[in-house]
PDB file of N, CA and C in Angstrom:
ATOM      1  N   MET A   1     173.441 136.804 -40.188  1.00  0.00           N
ATOM      2  CA  MET A   1     173.575 137.709 -38.790  1.00  0.00           C
ATOM      3  C   MET A   1     174.917 138.735 -39.010  1.00  0.00           C
ATOM      4  N   ASN A   2     175.105 139.717 -38.372  1.00  0.00           N
ATOM      5  CA  ASN A   2     175.993 140.854 -38.637  1.00  0.00           C
ATOM      6  C   ASN A   2     176.772 140.859 -37.305  1.00  0.00           C
ATOM      7  N   GLY A   3     176.664 139.979 -36.495  1.00  0.00           N
ATOM      8  CA  GLY A   3     177.037 140.434 -35.073  1.00  0.00           C
ATOM      9  C   GLY A   3     176.286 140.881 -33.768  1.00  0.00           C
ATOM     10  N   ASN A   4     175.608 141.464 -34.486  1.00  0.00           N
ATOM     11  CA  ASN A   4     174.806 142.028 -32.956  1.00  0.00           C
ATOM     12  C   ASN A   4     173.026 141.372 -32.763  1.00  0.00           C
ATOM     13  N   GLU A   5     173.272 140.399 -33.713  1.00  0.00           N
ATOM     14  CA  GLU A   5     171.998 139.974 -33.434  1.00  0.00           C
ATOM     15  C   GLU A   5     172.300 138.592 -32.395  1.00  0.00           C
ATOM     16  N   SER A   6     171.303 138.104 -31.606  1.00  0.00           N
ATOM     17  CA  SER A   6     171.726 136.752 -31.004  1.00  0.00           C
ATOM     18  C   SER A   6     170.698 135.332 -31.471  1.00  0.00           C
ATOM     19  N   CYS A   7     171.490 134.801 -31.210  1.00  0.00           N
ATOM     20  CA  CYS A   7     170.919 133.599 -31.762  1.00  0.00           C
ATOM     21  C   CYS A   7     170.251 132.757 -30.398  1.00  0.00           C
ATOM     22  N   GLN A   8     168.727 132.956 -30.721  1.00  0.00           N
ATOM     23  CA  GLN A   8     167.791 132.272 -29.407  1.00  0.00           C
ATOM     24  C   GLN A   8     167.857 131.002 -29.832  1.00  0.00           C
ATOM     25  N   GLU A   9     168.299 130.214 -28.927  1.00  0.00           N
ATOM     26  CA  GLU A   9     167.913 128.548 -28.971  1.00  0.00           C
ATOM     27  C   GLU A   9     166.580 128.068 -28.304  1.00  0.00           C
ATOM     28  N   PRO A  10     165.814 127.178 -29.327  1.00  0.00           N
ATOM     29  CA  PRO A  10     164.543 126.700 -28.771  1.00  0.00           C
ATOM     30  C   PRO A  10     164.707 126.711 -27.072  1.00  0.00           C
ATOM     31  N   GLU A  11     163.687 127.033 -26.395  1.00  0.00           N
ATOM     32  CA  GLU A  11     163.573 126.540 -24.900  1.00  0.00           C
ATOM     33  C   GLU A  11     163.555 125.013 -24.835  1.00  0.00           C
ATOM     34  N   GLU A  12     164.395 124.705 -23.825  1.00  0.00           N
ATOM     35  CA  GLU A  12     164.448 123.474 -23.787  1.00  0.00           C
ATOM     36  C   GLU A  12     164.041 123.210 -22.481  1.00  0.00           C
ATOM     37  N   SER A  13     162.679 122.061 -22.497  1.00  0.00           N
ATOM     38  CA  SER A  13     162.096 121.521 -21.163  1.00  0.00           C
ATOM     39  C   SER A  13     163.110 120.783 -19.898  1.00  0.00           C
ATOM     40  N   VAL A  14     162.826 121.132 -18.848  1.00  0.00           N
ATOM     41  CA  VAL A  14     163.599 120.518 -17.882  1.00  0.00           C
ATOM     42  C   VAL A  14     163.084 119.373 -17.863  1.00  0.00           C
ATOM     43  N   PRO A  15     164.120 117.985 -17.686  1.00  0.00           N
ATOM     44  CA  PRO A  15     163.653 116.722 -17.432  1.00  0.00           C
ATOM     45  C   PRO A  15     163.175 116.397 -16.093  1.00  0.00           C
ATOM     46  N   GLN A  16     161.999 115.686 -16.319  1.00  0.00           N
ATOM     47  CA  GLN A  16     161.206 115.038 -14.894  1.00  0.00           C
ATOM     48  C   GLN A  16     162.092 113.733 -14.562  1.00  0.00           C
ATOM     49  N   SER A  17     162.457 113.886 -13.208  1.00  0.00           N
ATOM     50  CA  SER A  17     162.931 112.796 -12.532  1.00  0.00           C
ATOM     51  C   SER A  17     162.478 112.311 -11.610  1.00  0.00           C
ATOM     52  N   PHE A  18     161.927 110.743 -11.676  1.00  0.00           N
ATOM     53  CA  PHE A  18     161.314 109.935 -10.371  1.00  0.00           C
ATOM     54  C   PHE A  18     162.090 109.016  -9.813  1.00  0.00           C
ATOM     55  N   ILE A  19     162.060 108.802  -8.655  1.00  0.00           N
ATOM     56  CA  ILE A  19     162.695 107.507  -8.078  1.00  0.00           C
ATOM     57  C   ILE A  19     161.037 106.830  -7.550  1.00  0.00           C
ATOM     58  N   ILE A  20     160.820 105.577  -8.088  1.00  0.00           N
ATOM     59  CA  ILE A  20     160.266 104.885  -7.927  1.00  0.00           C
ATOM     60  C   ILE A  20     160.273 103.436  -7.047  1.00  0.00           C
ATOM     61  N   LYS A  21     159.754 103.490  -5.829  1.00  0.00           N
ATOM     62  CA  LYS A  21     160.037 102.089  -5.186  1.00  0.00           C
ATOM     63  C   LYS A  21     158.891 101.301  -4.848  1.00  0.00           C
ATOM     64  N   ILE A  22     159.399 100.158  -5.207  1.00  0.00           N
ATOM     65  CA  ILE A  22     158.089  99.051  -5.251  1.00  0.00           C
ATOM     66  C   ILE A  22     158.287  98.022  -4.530  1.00  0.00           C
ATOM     67  N   GLN A  23     157.592  97.620  -3.410  1.00  0.00           N
ATOM     68  CA  GLN A  23     157.743  96.392  -3.216  1.00  0.00           C
ATOM     69  C   GLN A  23     156.599  95.933  -2.264  1.00  0.00           C
ATOM     70  N   ASN A  24     156.633  94.463  -2.807  1.00  0.00           N
ATOM     71  CA  ASN A  24     155.457  93.420  -2.222  1.00  0.00           C
ATOM     72  C   ASN A  24     155.614  93.351  -0.541  1.00  0.00           C
ATOM     73  N   ASN A  25     154.793  93.677   0.234  1.00  0.00           N
ATOM     74  CA  ASN A  25     154.606  93.305   1.570  1.00  0.00           C
ATOM     75  C   ASN A  25     153.842  91.921   2.098  1.00  0.00           C
ATOM     76  N   GLY A  26     153.597  91.046   0.806  1.00  0.00           N
ATOM     77  CA  GLY A  26     152.610  90.184   0.911  1.00  0.00           C
ATOM     78  C   GLY A  26     153.506  89.027   1.566  1.00  0.00           C
ATOM     79  N   ASP A  27     152.932  88.141   2.030  1.00  0.00           N
ATOM     80  CA  ASP A  27     153.839  87.179   2.787  1.00  0.00           C
ATOM     81  C   ASP A  27     154.419  85.985   1.712  1.00  0.00           C
ATOM     82  N   ALA A  28     155.715  85.691   2.261  1.00  0.00           N
ATOM     83  CA  ALA A  28     156.400  84.809   1.359  1.00  0.00           C
ATOM     84  C   ALA A  28     155.983  83.434   0.819  1.00  0.00           C
ATOM     85  N   ALA A  29     155.372  82.869   1.410  1.00  0.00           N
ATOM     86  CA  ALA A  29     154.732  81.716   0.694  1.00  0.00           C
ATOM     87  C   ALA A  29     153.741  82.310  -0.294  1.00  0.00           C
ATOM     88  N   TYR A  30     153.412  83.567  -0.575  1.00  0.00           N
ATOM     89  CA  TYR A  30     152.894  83.791  -1.854  1.00  0.00           C
ATOM     90  C   TYR A  30     151.275  83.263  -1.269  1.00  0.00           C
ATOM     91  N   SER A  31     150.660  83.066  -0.171  1.00  0.00           N
ATOM     92  CA  SER A  31     149.457  82.711  -0.032  1.00  0.00           C
ATOM     93  C   SER A  31     148.105  83.762   0.115  1.00  0.00           C
ATOM     94  N   ASN A  32     148.600  84.760   0.433  1.00  0.00           N
ATOM     95  CA  ASN A  32     148.064  86.133   0.379  1.00  0.00           C
ATOM     96  C   ASN A  32     148.580  86.739  -1.343  1.00  0.00           C
ATOM     97  N   PRO A  33     147.351  87.487  -2.090  1.00  0.00           N
ATOM     98  CA  PRO A  33     147.327  88.332  -3.011  1.00  0.00           C
ATOM     99  C   PRO A  33     148.959  89.309  -2.486  1.00  0.00           C
ATOM    100  N   ALA A  34     149.297  89.961  -3.752  1.00  0.00           N
ATOM    101  CA  ALA A  34     150.578  91.021  -3.189  1.00  0.00           C
ATOM    102  C   ALA A  34     149.853  92.207  -2.869  1.00  0.00           C
ATOM    103  N   GLN A  35     150.534  92.534  -1.341  1.00  0.00           N
ATOM    104  CA  GLN A  35     150.349  94.070  -1.101  1.00  0.00           C
ATOM    105  C   GLN A  35     151.368  95.044  -1.166  1.00  0.00           C
ATOM    106  N   TRP A  36     150.913  95.905  -1.958  1.00  0.00           N
ATOM    107  CA  TRP A  36     151.915  96.652  -2.743  1.00  0.00           C
ATOM    108  C   TRP A  36     152.215  97.673  -1.846  1.00  0.00           C
ATOM    109  N   ARG A  37     153.498  98.139  -1.287  1.00  0.00           N
ATOM    110  CA  ARG A  37     153.678  99.726  -0.912  1.00  0.00           C
ATOM    111  C   ARG A  37     154.714  99.946  -1.981  1.00  0.00           C
ATOM    112  N   ILE A  38     154.450 101.422  -2.398  1.00  0.00           N
ATOM    113  CA  ILE A  38     155.018 102.093  -3.691  1.00  0.00           C
ATOM    114  C   ILE A  38     155.599 103.402  -3.132  1.00  0.00           C
ATOM    115  N   GLN A  39     156.287 104.180  -3.590  1.00  0.00           N
ATOM    116  CA  GLN A  39     156.854 105.130  -2.852  1.00  0.00           C
ATOM    117  C   GLN A  39     157.424 106.178  -4.238  1.00  0.00           C
ATOM    118  N   ILE A  40     157.004 107.263  -4.036  1.00  0.00           N
ATOM    119  CA  ILE A  40     157.480 108.031  -5.707  1.00  0.00           C
ATOM    120  C   ILE A  40     158.103 109.042  -4.966  1.00  0.00           C
ATOM    121  N   ILE A  41     159.142 109.537  -5.527  1.00  0.00           N
ATOM    122  CA  ILE A  41     159.750 110.822  -4.856  1.00  0.00           C
ATOM    123  C   ILE A  41     159.950 111.469  -6.548  1.00  0.00           C
ATOM    124  N   HIS A  42     159.168 112.847  -6.373  1.00  0.00           N
ATOM    125  CA  HIS A  42     159.586 113.566  -7.709  1.00  0.00           C
ATOM    126  C   HIS A  42     161.174 114.004  -7.382  1.00  0.00           C
ATOM    127  N   VAL A  43     162.267 113.976  -8.031  1.00  0.00           N
ATOM    128  CA  VAL A  43     163.592 114.687  -7.820  1.00  0.00           C
ATOM    129  C   VAL A  43     163.517 116.194  -7.501  1.00  0.00           C
ATOM    130  N   MET A  44     163.084 116.820  -8.412  1.00  0.00           N
ATOM    131  CA  MET A  44     163.350 117.890  -8.663  1.00  0.00           C
ATOM    132  C   MET A  44     162.588 119.078  -7.454  1.00  0.00           C
ATOM    133  N   THR A  45     161.261 118.395  -6.911  1.00  0.00           N
ATOM    134  CA  THR A  45     160.801 119.228  -5.868  1.00  0.00           C
ATOM    135  C   THR A  45     161.164 118.531  -4.575  1.00  0.00           C
ATOM    136  N   GLY A  46     161.519 117.277  -4.255  1.00  0.00           N
ATOM    137  CA  GLY A  46     161.401 116.315  -3.294  1.00  0.00           C
ATOM    138  C   GLY A  46     159.929 116.001  -2.895  1.00  0.00           C
ATOM    139  N   LYS A  47     158.821 116.343  -3.858  1.00  0.00           N
ATOM    140  CA  LYS A  47     157.504 115.656  -3.597  1.00  0.00           C
ATOM    141  C   LYS A  47     157.434 114.572  -3.716  1.00  0.00           C
ATOM    142  N   GLN A  48     156.838 113.916  -2.611  1.00  0.00           N
ATOM    143  CA  GLN A  48     156.901 112.126  -2.445  1.00  0.00           C
ATOM    144  C   GLN A  48     155.534 111.746  -1.807  1.00  0.00           C
ATOM    145  N   VAL A  49     155.115 110.621  -2.166  1.00  0.00           N
ATOM    146  CA  VAL A  49     154.012 110.078  -2.009  1.00  0.00           C
ATOM    147  C   VAL A  49     154.469 108.397  -1.669  1.00  0.00           C
ATOM    148  N   VAL A  50     153.499 107.737  -0.695  1.00  0.00           N
ATOM    149  CA  VAL A  50     153.294 106.696  -0.184  1.00  0.00           C
ATOM    150  C   VAL A  50     151.739 106.011  -0.968  1.00  0.00           C
ATOM    151  N   PHE A  51     151.886 104.908  -1.400  1.00  0.00           N
ATOM    152  CA  PHE A  51     150.648 104.227  -1.628  1.00  0.00           C
ATOM    153  C   PHE A  51     150.677 103.062  -1.690  1.00  0.00           C
ATOM    154  N   GLU A  52     149.335 102.447  -1.952  1.00  0.00           N
ATOM    155  CA  GLU A  52     149.370 100.907  -2.111  1.00  0.00           C
ATOM    156  C   GLU A  52     148.906 100.431  -3.168  1.00  0.00           C
ATOM    157  N   ASN A  53     148.200 101.291  -4.099  1.00  0.00           N
ATOM    158  CA  ASN A  53     147.672 100.561  -5.822  1.00  0.00           C
ATOM    159  C   ASN A  53     148.398 101.250  -6.518  1.00  0.00           C
ATOM    160  N   ILE A  54     149.152 100.110  -7.126  1.00  0.00           N
ATOM    161  CA  ILE A  54     149.990 100.649  -8.358  1.00  0.00           C
ATOM    162  C   ILE A  54     149.670 101.382  -9.240  1.00  0.00           C
ATOM    163  N   GLU A  55     148.398 101.608  -9.319  1.00  0.00           N
ATOM    164  CA  GLU A  55     147.646 102.273 -10.678  1.00  0.00           C
ATOM    165  C   GLU A  55     147.825 103.805 -10.132  1.00  0.00           C
ATOM    166  N   ASN A  56     148.195 104.053  -9.293  1.00  0.00           N
ATOM    167  CA  ASN A  56     148.383 105.409  -8.560  1.00  0.00           C
ATOM    168  C   ASN A  56     149.806 106.363  -9.211  1.00  0.00           C
ATOM    169  N   ILE A  57     150.586 105.206  -9.566  1.00  0.00           N
ATOM    170  CA  ILE A  57     151.569 105.913 -10.230  1.00  0.00           C
ATOM    171  C   ILE A  57     151.459 106.844 -10.864  1.00  0.00           C
ATOM    172  N   LYS A  58     150.967 106.299 -12.194  1.00  0.00           N
ATOM    173  CA  LYS A  58     149.959 107.128 -13.373  1.00  0.00           C
ATOM    174  C   LYS A  58     149.719 108.528 -12.597  1.00  0.00           C
ATOM    175  N   THR A  59     148.631 108.677 -11.750  1.00  0.00           N
ATOM    176  CA  THR A  59     147.900 109.948 -11.170  1.00  0.00           C
ATOM    177  C   THR A  59     149.268 110.856 -10.737  1.00  0.00           C
ATOM    178  N   PHE A  60     150.387 110.422 -10.441  1.00  0.00           N
ATOM    179  CA  PHE A  60     151.514 111.060  -9.261  1.00  0.00           C
ATOM    180  C   PHE A  60     151.931 111.988 -10.620  1.00  0.00           C
ATOM    181  N   ILE A  61     152.260 110.496 -11.904  1.00  0.00           N
ATOM    182  CA  ILE A  61     153.649 111.196 -12.311  1.00  0.00           C
ATOM    183  C   ILE A  61     152.652 112.314 -13.728  1.00  0.00           C
ATOM    184  N   TRP A  62     151.365 111.854 -13.943  1.00  0.00           N
ATOM    185  CA  TRP A  62     150.973 112.479 -14.699  1.00  0.00           C
ATOM    186  C   TRP A  62     150.630 114.291 -15.183  1.00  0.00           C
ATOM    187  N   PRO A  63     150.176 114.464 -13.590  1.00  0.00           N
ATOM    188  CA  PRO A  63     150.352 116.249 -14.029  1.00  0.00           C
ATOM    189  C   PRO A  63     151.913 116.626 -13.895  1.00  0.00           C
ATOM    190  N   PHE A  64     152.867 116.059 -13.831  1.00  0.00           N
ATOM    191  CA  PHE A  64     154.803 116.577 -13.889  1.00  0.00           C
ATOM    192  C   PHE A  64     154.699 116.794 -15.490  1.00  0.00           C
ATOM    193  N   LEU A  65     154.169 115.481 -16.299  1.00  0.00           N
ATOM    194  CA  LEU A  65     154.013 115.585 -17.927  1.00  0.00           C
ATOM    195  C   LEU A  65     153.232 116.445 -18.335  1.00  0.00           C
ATOM    196  N   ARG A  66     152.206 116.836 -17.909  1.00  0.00           N
ATOM    197  CA  ARG A  66     151.487 117.833 -18.591  1.00  0.00           C
ATOM    198  C   ARG A  66     152.194 119.340 -18.426  1.00  0.00           C
ATOM    199  N   GLU A  67     152.791 119.095 -17.438  1.00  0.00           N
ATOM    200  CA  GLU A  67     153.868 120.629 -17.274  1.00  0.00           C
ATOM    201  C   GLU A  67     155.054 120.675 -18.460  1.00  0.00           C
ATOM    202  N   LEU A  68     154.871 119.297 -19.183  1.00  0.00           N
ATOM    203  CA  LEU A  68     156.265 119.625 -20.076  1.00  0.00           C
ATOM    204  C   LEU A  68     155.410 119.505 -21.403  1.00  0.00           C
ATOM    205  N   ASN A  69     154.070 119.926 -21.544  1.00  0.00           N
ATOM    206  CA  ASN A  69     153.114 120.372 -22.618  1.00  0.00           C
ATOM    207  C   ASN A  69     153.183 119.057 -23.226  1.00  0.00           C
ATOM    208  N   VAL A  70     153.149 118.189 -22.312  1.00  0.00           N
ATOM    209  CA  VAL A  70     152.266 116.574 -23.235  1.00  0.00           C
ATOM    210  C   VAL A  70     151.228 116.904 -23.463  1.00  0.00           C
ATOM    211  N   ASP A  71     150.744 116.651 -24.508  1.00  0.00           N
ATOM    212  CA  ASP A  71     149.403 117.149 -25.026  1.00  0.00           C
ATOM    213  C   ASP A  71     148.602 115.822 -25.195  1.00  0.00           C
ATOM    214  N   TYR A  72     149.069 114.489 -25.207  1.00  0.00           N
ATOM    215  CA  TYR A  72     148.398 113.456 -25.216  1.00  0.00           C
ATOM    216  C   TYR A  72     148.968 112.396 -24.245  1.00  0.00           C
ATOM    217  N   GLN A  73     148.110 111.177 -23.749  1.00  0.00           N
ATOM    218  CA  GLN A  73     148.465 110.392 -23.078  1.00  0.00           C
ATOM    219  C   GLN A  73     148.702 109.375 -23.126  1.00  0.00           C
ATOM    220  N   PRO A  74     149.882 108.311 -22.970  1.00  0.00           N
ATOM    221  CA  PRO A  74     150.768 107.235 -23.575  1.00  0.00           C
ATOM    222  C   PRO A  74     149.263 106.186 -23.075  1.00  0.00           C
ATOM    223  N   ASP A  75     149.632 104.840 -23.609  1.00  0.00           N
ATOM    224  CA  ASP A  75     148.770 104.190 -23.155  1.00  0.00           C
ATOM    225  C   ASP A  75     148.344 104.041 -22.029  1.00  0.00           C
ATOM    226  N   TRP A  76     150.326 103.685 -21.680  1.00  0.00           N
ATOM    227  CA  TRP A  76     150.547 103.087 -20.362  1.00  0.00           C
ATOM    228  C   TRP A  76     150.095 103.904 -19.039  1.00  0.00           C
ATOM    229  N   LEU A  77     149.789 105.203 -19.280  1.00  0.00           N
ATOM    230  CA  LEU A  77     149.626 106.149 -18.110  1.00  0.00           C
ATOM    231  C   LEU A  77     147.376 105.590 -18.354  1.00  0.00           C
ATOM    232  N   LYS A  78     146.703 105.504 -19.322  1.00  0.00           N
ATOM    233  CA  LYS A  78     145.654 105.372 -19.429  1.00  0.00           C
ATOM    234  C   LYS A  78     145.088 104.733 -18.163  1.00  0.00           C
ATOM    235  N   THR A  79     143.905 105.253 -17.613  1.00  0.00           N
ATOM    236  CA  THR A  79     143.454 104.443 -16.251  1.00  0.00           C
ATOM    237  C   THR A  79     142.919 102.993 -17.202  1.00  0.00           C
ATOM    238  N   ASN A  80     142.506 101.732 -16.629  1.00  0.00           N
ATOM    239  CA  ASN A  80     141.768 100.943 -17.342  1.00  0.00           C
ATOM    240  C   ASN A  80     140.672 101.421 -16.532  1.00  0.00           C
ATOM    241  N   VAL A  81     139.330 100.960 -17.627  1.00  0.00           N
ATOM    242  CA  VAL A  81     138.342 101.012 -17.054  1.00  0.00           C
ATOM    243  C   VAL A  81     137.863  99.581 -17.351  1.00  0.00           C
TER     244      VAL A  81
END
């Protein structure tokens, strides 16, 4: 390099941060099955969802991972068939 050229860093992806709160609203005696209340907040956008099915964590997070050019879906993100 002769000093006039710029060294370009490879484009760095922006990390995706989430706050996930999981609460069991079932009764304390465990006579009823777990009744989940899950809240997820995407830190960068403030977008948040609340749902009762723990599998929906995958549904909410996956689109953000695709924005990071994740071209495969890890086993833990695959829906159970």
